[in-house]
Amino acid sequence: MSAGLVLGPLLRYVGVDEATVWAELDGACEVEVLGHRAPTFCVEGHHYALVQLTGLAPASTTPYELSVDGRRLWPEPGSQFPASVIRTTAPGEPVRLVFGSCRVCVPHEPPFSLSKDADERGREVDVLRAYAQRMRGQDPSQWPHALLLLGDQVYADEASPETCAFIRSRRDQDEPPGETIADFEEYTRLYREAWSEPVMRWLLSTVSSAMIFDDHDIHDDWNTSVEWVAEMRAQPWWDARIEGGLMAYWVYQHLGNMAPEQLATDPLYAAVRDCGDAGSLLRDFAHRADRTTDGARWSYCRDLGSARLVMVDSRAGRVLEHEHRSMLDEQEWKWVHEHARGDCDHLLIGTSLPLLMAPGMQYLEAWNEQVCAGAWGRPGRLVGERLREALDLEHWGAFSSSFERMCRLLRDVGAGRRGRAPASIVALSGDVHHAYLAEVAFPREQGVRSAVWQAVCSPLRNPLNDRERRVVRFGASRAGAVVGRLLARSAGVPDPPVRWRYVHDEPWFDNQLATLELHGRHGRMRLERIKAEGEDDSTGDGSPRLEQVFEHALAEGTPWPAAA
């Protein structure tokens, strides 16, 4: 009997005339898409295929099916969804991108909570699922070309009731790590639950996705400090968690991020395909990846129309020694400098952690870094390290040398010193569970001609509570900025090399999704949030829909085509 489809297909890399399609099967087989075939590879008894497609027409929309041994597995019989398609791009053509982060996998029925007994709204309606439901009634020309998932695609430390039941079936949940993910096998269940819901499954089959991890993909506060790393490595369960998490990330997320030419020269991918079961091979790789910093192994670049996306790993490649904290190691910095250049209409820097936060928070993180370095003596250093972990003070502002180095790079690109200056440079981020657009200003004498922005969209499904929202609002307020600046100056922190400001009154906190529309040297950003219809959306009587709450131009140039 031929193999069946467990998960997918996922449309991953899409270029001008090529694409990759990922799938998980329940047995060894050969998978076919549009006449292109690929055999499965095996990891600890799980079977996966990555089909590489070539010869596609630029700027085209091509429906596709997935088959095994001549038997069609996708679309499923009786499917009520539109045909899955591959939409290629081309230089100069309009491109629509959607982005966001932080999507907890919980049931899609009220109370939308991890707890079966909860009576509150919990994590609320999944904005990505609502977006896909709207797409079903649209013409494919209105669909996005790509979905950028900027971290926390899965939550290894917040398992759903279904995943918890699986955990209880195979080990004692009263022993660490309890009802959180322990190894690769449990990660496969986590990804399956996150991506197998029918609406989400169709969305991921028809919109190209680019992904990067953040802390919850592995563990809350992952790589916050050298003390955190030492504490976790002392736990007897940690090696299985980190190895299983990085193995699963490589299989489920990273493979599809790579372009076909990268896959063709990647020695690990070649070795995995040649193994009977690549579990040991990938486990050794994951162990080395955890013990050695090389963020370049996870970073990647894609051209999307006339825009360039440079996705930066700001989590696994950190240097955490007190004397030299750096968000990126030197190998990754070299990679970023090679790829983050001009000669494109829009340069998009994907980094799960915001480069620029509300001024009050940015100053607080810079203060904390100096205190941890000894600005307030040894007692202050010990307290500072505890605060760093407790308050998640680990964004770019808490790595001041890296923050300044990235600002210099953006300055040089925007001033035309690294090729023709783009119309816009946009840092795309998530993580912080609120959304905002900040305009960045460099000193006039530096000659920056590009419009520079920090665009943040989070969460897709994991809203802050009221207390957390008040903290964020204070950090974004004028009073918060004054307090933060005074605190930073008390530790000898200099003023940042750039200025920035929100282009709206305050951040948004709902489950939300952002859209970039780029055409030539024109660009704009739109933010939409969940709005429920009906008498009481907490009871499930309402039908979720999206409401636009914000739109702003990023660069003025060729207008977006009216027909699109």
Foldseek 3Di string as FASTA:
>chain_A
DWKAFLAAQFWADAEFFKTKTKTKIQDWFWKDKPRFIFTWFAAPNTTMTITIDGGHHGQDKAFMFMDTPPHTRPPHPPDPAPTAIQGYHAAQDKAKEWEAEADEQEDQAPCRALDPPDDHVHQHHQQVLQVLVVVRPDDCVPDGQEYEYQACLYAQARDHPVLLVVVVVPDDLVDPPHSGDQAQVSVVVRVSSSQVDVSNNSVSRRHHYAYDYDARLQHACAPLAPVVVVVQVVDPRNLRRQLSSQLCCVRPHQVSNDDPVCCVPPPLNVVSRVDNHCNVVSSVVSNVLQVAADQVVRWDWGDGHLEIETEGEQHSRWDHDLVATASHDPNRVVVCLVRQAAPGQEYEYEHAFFLDAQLLLLLQLLLLSLQLSALPHDVSVVVSVVCCRVVVSRGNSNNQVNSQVVVVSLLCRQQQVRHRRHQEYEYEYEPLQWWFKKWKAAPVVSRGNHTYIYTYHDDSTGFDDPVSVVVRQLSNDPVSNVVSNVSSVSSVHDDHRMDMHTPDDGIGRANKMKMWIDRRNWIKMWIKHWDWDDDDVSNVRTDIHIDTDDMDIRGDDPDDDPVD
